[in-house]
Amino acid sequence: MKIYVKNDDGKMYEAFQVDENTYTFKTENKTFKLSLSESNNVNDFSPLSEEQKKRLTKVIFSNDDILEQLRDARKNRDSDFSYYSGDEAEFDKLVDELNSER
């Protein structure tokens, strides 16, 4: 099995197997190690506790730039110009909640 890691700017890095469940990959200036394990439950690997998620969510959605991006996304979606694809009712609910908190 070959494993590739893609970063935010689209660069791909091949991960090389070190042992049965461990792979490493190198970027321009760092080496990373991946440990693989099998699970049927995606929630098993959540790196954040529920309290950490709540604090992080509060920090993210108190950022004016993020709120502006959400409003722009809604305007663009409403004018049939959207990159958003998903549950529109859930998206509307999120934006409404954020607007009511301000």
N, C-alpha and C. Protein backbone atom coordinates (compact mmCIF):
# COMPACT_ATOMS: atom_id res chain seq x y z
N MET A 1 0.85 -1.17 0.00
CA MET A 1 0.00 0.00 0.00
C MET A 1 0.90 1.23 0.00
N LYS A 2 0.56 2.20 -0.85
CA LYS A 2 1.27 3.47 -0.86
C LYS A 2 0.38 4.51 -0.18
N ILE A 3 1.01 5.36 0.60
CA ILE A 3 0.29 6.41 1.29
C ILE A 3 0.92 7.74 0.89
N TYR A 4 0.06 8.68 0.52
CA TYR A 4 0.51 10.02 0.16
C TYR A 4 -0.15 11.03 1.08
N VAL A 5 0.58 12.07 1.40
CA VAL A 5 0.07 13.15 2.24
C VAL A 5 0.05 14.40 1.38
N LYS A 6 -1.09 15.08 1.38
CA LYS A 6 -1.24 16.30 0.58
C LYS A 6 -1.39 17.48 1.53
N ASN A 7 -0.56 18.51 1.35
CA ASN A 7 -0.67 19.67 2.23
C ASN A 7 -1.62 20.71 1.63
N ASP A 8 -1.79 21.82 2.33
CA ASP A 8 -2.77 22.83 1.95
C ASP A 8 -2.52 23.46 0.58
N ASP A 9 -1.26 23.54 0.16
CA ASP A 9 -1.00 24.15 -1.14
C ASP A 9 -0.94 23.13 -2.27
N GLY A 10 -1.34 21.90 -1.99
CA GLY A 10 -1.46 20.88 -3.03
C GLY A 10 -0.23 20.01 -3.23
N LYS A 11 0.86 20.28 -2.53
CA LYS A 11 2.06 19.45 -2.67
C LYS A 11 1.79 18.07 -2.07
N MET A 12 2.29 17.05 -2.76
CA MET A 12 2.10 15.67 -2.32
C MET A 12 3.43 15.10 -1.83
N TYR A 13 3.37 14.32 -0.77
CA TYR A 13 4.55 13.67 -0.22
C TYR A 13 4.22 12.19 -0.04
N GLU A 14 5.13 11.34 -0.47
CA GLU A 14 4.93 9.91 -0.28
C GLU A 14 5.42 9.53 1.11
N ALA A 15 4.61 8.74 1.82
CA ALA A 15 4.99 8.25 3.13
C ALA A 15 5.59 6.85 2.95
N PHE A 16 6.73 6.63 3.60
CA PHE A 16 7.43 5.35 3.49
C PHE A 16 7.26 4.54 4.76
N GLN A 17 7.01 3.26 4.60
CA GLN A 17 6.74 2.38 5.73
C GLN A 17 8.02 2.12 6.53
N VAL A 18 7.90 2.32 7.86
CA VAL A 18 9.02 2.09 8.77
C VAL A 18 8.85 0.73 9.45
N ASP A 19 7.65 0.44 9.91
CA ASP A 19 7.31 -0.87 10.45
C ASP A 19 5.87 -1.16 10.09
N GLU A 20 5.28 -2.14 10.72
CA GLU A 20 3.96 -2.61 10.31
C GLU A 20 2.91 -1.51 10.22
N ASN A 21 2.88 -0.61 11.19
CA ASN A 21 1.85 0.43 11.23
C ASN A 21 2.42 1.85 11.27
N THR A 22 3.67 2.02 10.97
CA THR A 22 4.29 3.34 11.06
C THR A 22 4.89 3.73 9.72
N TYR A 23 4.63 4.98 9.34
CA TYR A 23 5.14 5.55 8.10
C TYR A 23 5.78 6.89 8.42
N THR A 24 6.73 7.31 7.60
CA THR A 24 7.30 8.64 7.72
C THR A 24 7.24 9.33 6.36
N PHE A 25 7.17 10.65 6.40
CA PHE A 25 7.28 11.42 5.16
C PHE A 25 8.04 12.69 5.47
N LYS A 26 8.74 13.20 4.47
CA LYS A 26 9.55 14.40 4.64
C LYS A 26 9.01 15.51 3.76
N THR A 27 8.94 16.71 4.35
CA THR A 27 8.64 17.91 3.58
C THR A 27 9.98 18.61 3.32
N GLU A 28 9.94 19.83 2.89
CA GLU A 28 11.17 20.54 2.59
C GLU A 28 12.10 20.64 3.80
N ASN A 29 11.49 20.83 5.00
CA ASN A 29 12.34 21.08 6.17
C ASN A 29 11.98 20.26 7.41
N LYS A 30 11.05 19.33 7.30
CA LYS A 30 10.66 18.54 8.47
C LYS A 30 10.37 17.10 8.07
N THR A 31 10.49 16.21 9.04
CA THR A 31 10.11 14.82 8.87
C THR A 31 8.96 14.53 9.82
N PHE A 32 7.93 13.84 9.32
CA PHE A 32 6.76 13.51 10.10
C PHE A 32 6.60 12.00 10.19
N LYS A 33 6.00 11.55 11.29
CA LYS A 33 5.75 10.13 11.48
C LYS A 33 4.24 9.91 11.60
N LEU A 34 3.72 8.94 10.88
CA LEU A 34 2.31 8.58 10.93
C LEU A 34 2.17 7.19 11.55
N SER A 35 1.23 7.06 12.47
CA SER A 35 0.91 5.75 13.03
C SER A 35 -0.50 5.41 12.61
N LEU A 36 -0.68 4.26 11.98
CA LEU A 36 -1.98 3.85 11.48
C LEU A 36 -2.58 2.79 12.39
N SER A 37 -3.88 2.89 12.60
CA SER A 37 -4.61 1.86 13.32
C SER A 37 -6.01 1.78 12.74
N GLU A 38 -6.64 0.68 12.94
CA GLU A 38 -7.94 0.42 12.33
C GLU A 38 -9.05 0.68 13.34
N SER A 39 -10.12 1.30 12.88
CA SER A 39 -11.27 1.56 13.74
C SER A 39 -12.52 1.68 12.89
N ASN A 40 -13.64 1.27 13.47
CA ASN A 40 -14.92 1.43 12.80
C ASN A 40 -15.62 2.71 13.24
N ASN A 41 -15.08 3.36 14.25
CA ASN A 41 -15.71 4.55 14.80
C ASN A 41 -14.79 5.75 14.59
N VAL A 42 -15.20 6.69 13.75
CA VAL A 42 -14.35 7.85 13.45
C VAL A 42 -14.10 8.71 14.69
N ASN A 43 -14.96 8.64 15.68
CA ASN A 43 -14.79 9.45 16.88
C ASN A 43 -13.70 8.92 17.80
N ASP A 44 -13.22 7.70 17.55
CA ASP A 44 -12.18 7.13 18.39
C ASP A 44 -10.90 7.94 18.36
N PHE A 45 -10.67 8.69 17.29
CA PHE A 45 -9.39 9.35 17.11
C PHE A 45 -9.47 10.85 17.27
N SER A 46 -10.49 11.34 17.91
CA SER A 46 -10.61 12.78 18.11
C SER A 46 -9.49 13.25 19.03
N PRO A 47 -8.61 14.13 18.53
CA PRO A 47 -7.50 14.57 19.36
C PRO A 47 -7.90 15.59 20.42
N LEU A 48 -9.12 16.11 20.34
CA LEU A 48 -9.56 17.13 21.27
C LEU A 48 -10.65 16.61 22.20
N SER A 49 -10.60 17.03 23.45
CA SER A 49 -11.68 16.71 24.37
C SER A 49 -12.89 17.59 24.04
N GLU A 50 -14.02 17.25 24.59
CA GLU A 50 -15.22 18.06 24.35
C GLU A 50 -15.02 19.50 24.84
N GLU A 51 -14.36 19.65 25.97
CA GLU A 51 -14.09 21.00 26.50
C GLU A 51 -13.16 21.77 25.57
N GLN A 52 -12.15 21.11 25.03
CA GLN A 52 -11.24 21.77 24.09
C GLN A 52 -11.99 22.17 22.82
N LYS A 53 -12.87 21.32 22.34
CA LYS A 53 -13.66 21.64 21.15
C LYS A 53 -14.53 22.88 21.39
N LYS A 54 -15.15 22.94 22.57
CA LYS A 54 -16.00 24.09 22.89
C LYS A 54 -15.19 25.38 22.94
N ARG A 55 -14.02 25.33 23.58
CA ARG A 55 -13.18 26.53 23.66
C ARG A 55 -12.69 26.95 22.28
N LEU A 56 -12.27 25.98 21.49
CA LEU A 56 -11.78 26.28 20.14
C LEU A 56 -12.89 26.86 19.28
N THR A 57 -14.09 26.30 19.36
CA THR A 57 -15.23 26.80 18.60
C THR A 57 -15.52 28.26 18.99
N LYS A 58 -15.47 28.54 20.28
CA LYS A 58 -15.73 29.91 20.74
C LYS A 58 -14.68 30.87 20.18
N VAL A 59 -13.43 30.46 20.19
CA VAL A 59 -12.35 31.31 19.66
C VAL A 59 -12.53 31.54 18.17
N ILE A 60 -12.80 30.47 17.44
CA ILE A 60 -12.95 30.59 15.98
C ILE A 60 -14.10 31.52 15.63
N PHE A 61 -15.25 31.32 16.26
CA PHE A 61 -16.43 32.08 15.88
C PHE A 61 -16.55 33.43 16.57
N SER A 62 -15.53 33.82 17.31
CA SER A 62 -15.48 35.19 17.80
C SER A 62 -14.55 36.02 16.92
N ASN A 63 -13.99 35.40 15.89
CA ASN A 63 -13.09 36.06 14.96
C ASN A 63 -13.93 36.76 13.88
N ASP A 64 -13.78 38.07 13.78
CA ASP A 64 -14.57 38.85 12.82
C ASP A 64 -14.34 38.42 11.37
N ASP A 65 -13.10 38.04 11.04
CA ASP A 65 -12.82 37.61 9.67
C ASP A 65 -13.59 36.33 9.31
N ILE A 66 -13.67 35.40 10.24
CA ILE A 66 -14.41 34.16 10.00
C ILE A 66 -15.89 34.46 9.85
N LEU A 67 -16.41 35.31 10.72
CA LEU A 67 -17.83 35.66 10.63
C LEU A 67 -18.15 36.32 9.30
N GLU A 68 -17.25 37.18 8.84
CA GLU A 68 -17.45 37.83 7.54
C GLU A 68 -17.43 36.81 6.40
N GLN A 69 -16.53 35.84 6.49
CA GLN A 69 -16.48 34.79 5.46
C GLN A 69 -17.77 33.98 5.44
N LEU A 70 -18.32 33.69 6.61
CA LEU A 70 -19.59 32.95 6.65
C LEU A 70 -20.73 33.76 6.04
N ARG A 71 -20.77 35.05 6.35
CA ARG A 71 -21.81 35.91 5.76
C ARG A 71 -21.66 35.98 4.24
N ASP A 72 -20.42 36.13 3.78
CA ASP A 72 -20.18 36.16 2.34
C ASP A 72 -20.59 34.84 1.69
N ALA A 73 -20.29 33.74 2.36
CA ALA A 73 -20.66 32.43 1.82
C ALA A 73 -22.18 32.32 1.68
N ARG A 74 -22.90 32.84 2.67
CA ARG A 74 -24.36 32.80 2.59
C ARG A 74 -24.86 33.66 1.43
N LYS A 75 -24.30 34.88 1.30
CA LYS A 75 -24.73 35.76 0.21
C LYS A 75 -24.44 35.11 -1.14
N ASN A 76 -23.25 34.55 -1.27
CA ASN A 76 -22.88 33.89 -2.53
C ASN A 76 -23.78 32.69 -2.81
N ARG A 77 -24.07 31.92 -1.79
CA ARG A 77 -24.94 30.76 -1.98
C ARG A 77 -26.34 31.19 -2.38
N ASP A 78 -26.83 32.24 -1.72
CA ASP A 78 -28.17 32.73 -2.03
C ASP A 78 -28.26 33.30 -3.44
N SER A 79 -27.14 33.76 -3.98
CA SER A 79 -27.16 34.28 -5.35
C SER A 79 -26.68 33.23 -6.35
N ASP A 80 -26.78 31.94 -5.96
CA ASP A 80 -26.41 30.81 -6.81
C ASP A 80 -24.94 30.80 -7.21
N PHE A 81 -24.09 31.40 -6.40
CA PHE A 81 -22.64 31.34 -6.62
C PHE A 81 -22.04 30.79 -5.35
N SER A 82 -21.86 29.48 -5.29
CA SER A 82 -21.46 28.89 -4.03
C SER A 82 -20.43 27.79 -4.20
N TYR A 83 -19.49 27.78 -3.28
CA TYR A 83 -18.56 26.65 -3.17
C TYR A 83 -19.04 25.71 -2.06
N TYR A 84 -20.06 26.14 -1.31
CA TYR A 84 -20.56 25.34 -0.21
C TYR A 84 -21.41 24.20 -0.76
N SER A 85 -21.12 22.99 -0.32
CA SER A 85 -21.95 21.86 -0.70
C SER A 85 -22.17 21.02 0.54
N GLY A 86 -23.38 20.94 0.94
CA GLY A 86 -23.69 20.19 2.14
C GLY A 86 -25.12 20.47 2.55
N ASP A 87 -25.39 20.31 3.81
CA ASP A 87 -26.72 20.48 4.35
C ASP A 87 -27.01 21.98 4.51
N GLU A 88 -27.81 22.53 3.61
CA GLU A 88 -28.07 23.97 3.64
C GLU A 88 -28.82 24.40 4.89
N ALA A 89 -29.72 23.56 5.39
CA ALA A 89 -30.45 23.91 6.61
C ALA A 89 -29.48 24.02 7.79
N GLU A 90 -28.53 23.11 7.85
CA GLU A 90 -27.54 23.14 8.92
C GLU A 90 -26.65 24.38 8.79
N PHE A 91 -26.28 24.74 7.57
CA PHE A 91 -25.47 25.93 7.32
C PHE A 91 -26.24 27.18 7.75
N ASP A 92 -27.52 27.28 7.36
CA ASP A 92 -28.34 28.43 7.75
C ASP A 92 -28.44 28.54 9.27
N LYS A 93 -28.62 27.40 9.92
CA LYS A 93 -28.72 27.38 11.38
C LYS A 93 -27.44 27.91 12.00
N LEU A 94 -26.28 27.48 11.49
CA LEU A 94 -25.00 27.93 12.01
C LEU A 94 -24.83 29.44 11.86
N VAL A 95 -25.12 29.95 10.67
CA VAL A 95 -24.96 31.39 10.43
C VAL A 95 -25.93 32.18 11.31
N ASP A 96 -27.17 31.72 11.44
CA ASP A 96 -28.15 32.41 12.28
C ASP A 96 -27.69 32.44 13.74
N GLU A 97 -27.16 31.32 14.23
CA GLU A 97 -26.67 31.26 15.61
C GLU A 97 -25.52 32.24 15.81
N LEU A 98 -24.63 32.29 14.84
CA LEU A 98 -23.49 33.20 14.96
C LEU A 98 -23.94 34.64 14.94
N ASN A 99 -24.89 34.96 14.09
CA ASN A 99 -25.39 36.34 14.02
C ASN A 99 -26.12 36.73 15.28
N SER A 100 -26.83 35.81 15.91
CA SER A 100 -27.59 36.13 17.11
C SER A 100 -26.68 36.31 18.32
N GLU A 101 -25.46 35.70 18.28
CA GLU A 101 -24.51 35.83 19.38
C GLU A 101 -23.77 37.17 19.35
N ARG A 102 -23.81 37.87 18.23
CA ARG A 102 -23.05 39.13 18.11
C ARG A 102 -23.78 40.27 18.70
